Structure formats: structure tokens, C-alpha cells
Protein backbone atom coordinates (compact mmCIF):
# COMPACT_ATOMS: atom_id res chain seq x y z
CA MET A 1 28.28 -32.45 -5.99
CA ALA A 2 30.18 -29.54 -7.54
CA SER A 3 32.58 -27.55 -5.41
CA ARG A 4 31.66 -23.98 -4.55
CA GLN A 5 34.08 -22.64 -7.17
CA GLU A 6 32.43 -24.67 -9.95
CA ILE A 7 28.95 -23.28 -9.30
CA ARG A 8 28.14 -20.57 -11.82
CA MET A 9 25.17 -18.25 -11.51
CA LEU A 10 24.21 -15.71 -14.15
CA GLN A 11 22.66 -12.41 -13.19
CA GLY A 12 20.48 -9.98 -15.04
CA THR A 13 18.56 -6.76 -14.60
CA VAL A 14 14.78 -7.05 -14.28
CA LEU A 15 13.11 -5.22 -17.17
CA GLY A 16 9.55 -6.20 -16.31
CA VAL A 17 7.33 -8.55 -14.31
CA GLU A 18 4.21 -10.23 -15.67
CA LYS A 19 1.72 -11.79 -13.25
CA THR A 20 0.29 -15.01 -14.68
CA GLY A 21 -2.76 -15.26 -12.41
CA GLU A 22 -1.70 -18.74 -11.26
CA LYS A 23 -1.70 -18.82 -7.46
CA LYS A 24 -0.86 -21.25 -4.68
CA LYS A 25 -1.20 -21.12 -0.93
CA ASP A 26 1.66 -22.17 1.34
CA GLU A 27 1.42 -23.91 4.71
CA GLU A 28 1.31 -20.52 6.48
CA GLY A 29 -1.68 -19.36 4.45
CA ASN A 30 0.27 -16.95 2.20
CA VAL A 31 -0.96 -16.76 -1.40
CA TRP A 32 1.93 -16.78 -3.89
CA GLU A 33 1.51 -15.79 -7.54
CA LYS A 34 3.51 -17.22 -10.42
CA CYS A 35 5.31 -14.44 -12.29
CA ILE A 36 7.43 -14.21 -15.41
CA PHE A 37 10.38 -11.86 -15.19
CA SER A 38 11.96 -10.33 -18.28
CA LEU A 39 15.69 -10.14 -17.59
CA GLU A 40 18.58 -8.63 -19.52
CA LEU A 41 21.69 -10.72 -18.82
CA THR A 42 24.54 -8.67 -17.35
CA GLY A 43 27.13 -11.18 -16.14
CA PHE A 44 27.94 -13.74 -13.49
CA SER A 45 27.46 -13.36 -9.75
CA LYS A 46 30.28 -11.93 -7.64
CA ARG A 47 31.01 -15.43 -6.31
CA THR A 48 32.53 -16.37 -9.67
CA PRO A 49 34.68 -13.31 -10.46
CA ASP A 50 36.77 -15.12 -13.08
CA GLU A 51 33.75 -16.05 -15.23
CA VAL A 52 33.17 -13.94 -18.33
CA LEU A 53 29.79 -13.68 -20.01
CA PRO A 54 30.03 -15.03 -23.57
CA ASN A 55 29.47 -12.36 -26.24
CA ASN A 56 26.36 -14.13 -27.56
CA LEU A 57 24.72 -13.75 -24.13
CA LYS A 58 25.64 -10.12 -23.39
CA GLY A 59 22.43 -8.13 -23.19
CA LYS A 60 20.30 -11.16 -24.14
CA GLU A 61 16.75 -10.97 -22.84
CA ILE A 62 15.42 -14.07 -21.14
CA LYS A 63 12.26 -15.01 -19.25
CA LEU A 64 12.57 -16.29 -15.70
CA VAL A 65 9.69 -17.93 -13.80
CA ARG A 66 9.43 -17.23 -10.08
CA TRP A 67 6.74 -17.29 -7.38
CA CYS A 68 6.04 -13.85 -5.85
CA LEU A 69 4.37 -12.75 -2.63
CA PHE A 70 5.86 -9.57 -1.23
CA ASP A 71 5.83 -6.16 -2.93
CA TRP A 72 9.63 -6.17 -3.26
CA HIS A 73 9.38 -9.32 -5.42
CA TYR A 74 7.90 -7.14 -8.19
CA LYS A 75 10.64 -4.50 -8.36
CA ILE A 76 12.13 -3.65 -11.73
CA ARG A 77 15.66 -2.46 -12.56
CA VAL A 78 17.05 -4.68 -9.79
CA ARG A 79 19.54 -7.52 -10.10
CA LYS A 80 18.20 -11.08 -10.12
CA THR A 81 20.36 -14.20 -9.93
CA LEU A 82 19.63 -17.43 -11.77
CA GLU A 83 20.04 -20.80 -10.09
CA PRO A 84 23.02 -22.94 -11.22
CA ASP A 85 20.81 -25.27 -13.31
CA GLU A 86 19.13 -22.28 -14.96
CA THR A 87 22.53 -20.76 -15.69
CA GLU A 88 23.75 -23.94 -17.36
CA ALA A 89 20.54 -24.15 -19.44
CA VAL A 90 21.02 -20.57 -20.71
CA ILE A 91 24.70 -21.17 -21.50
CA LYS A 92 23.78 -24.33 -23.44
CA GLY A 93 20.92 -22.52 -25.21
CA LYS A 94 18.26 -24.85 -23.83
CA SER A 95 14.97 -23.75 -22.30
CA SER A 96 13.73 -25.22 -19.03
CA ASP A 97 10.60 -24.99 -16.88
CA SER A 98 11.93 -21.86 -15.19
CA VAL A 99 13.99 -20.14 -17.91
CA TYR A 100 13.36 -19.51 -21.60
CA TRP A 101 13.50 -16.74 -24.23
């Protein structure tokens, strides 16, 4: 397992949220909806202050798949953080199930 300092997480600003219509119910009876976020990459999380966003990724728009339930999940112009595996996929230029462009 990577040490805390080796974990990199990109962040971006939410430009828009598209509801897909795909829904699932959790064990508490809440109905979650699959959404696709359009994100403009802005940099790395504050936990990795020495990381610098490569020039080819500055301002790049990506799509991020998340499950939404609460009204605050749909906010735009807020910061959203990618998971470490999503971050590595973007850096390597490879799409995944949860991140693509």
C-alpha cells in the first residue's frame, strides 16, 4: 500500500452535472442516481502541495461518474476531488469506468 505522501488526488471545478436516469436503492431505502460530472482540472489536492499539474492537463475537461442523492451533490462551480486510481488514469491518459473525456 502506498504511503500517505505518495497518494495523489487531482481536483477540478464542476462545470455541469448530467443525470443519467440510472438509479439504485441502498439498504436504507434511499434512491441514488448515477450522474456524469463535467470537470475542469485545476490542480492537486492540498494534501500533496508539492505536486504540479502537468501543462497538458491544465484546464482539461474530463467526465467523472458519481452516484448522487442529496441536493448538494448537484452543485456546480464547486471543487471535486478524484480518487487516487482516477487521478493516475487521467495522468496516464487512460479512461476508466469512472473517468473519461
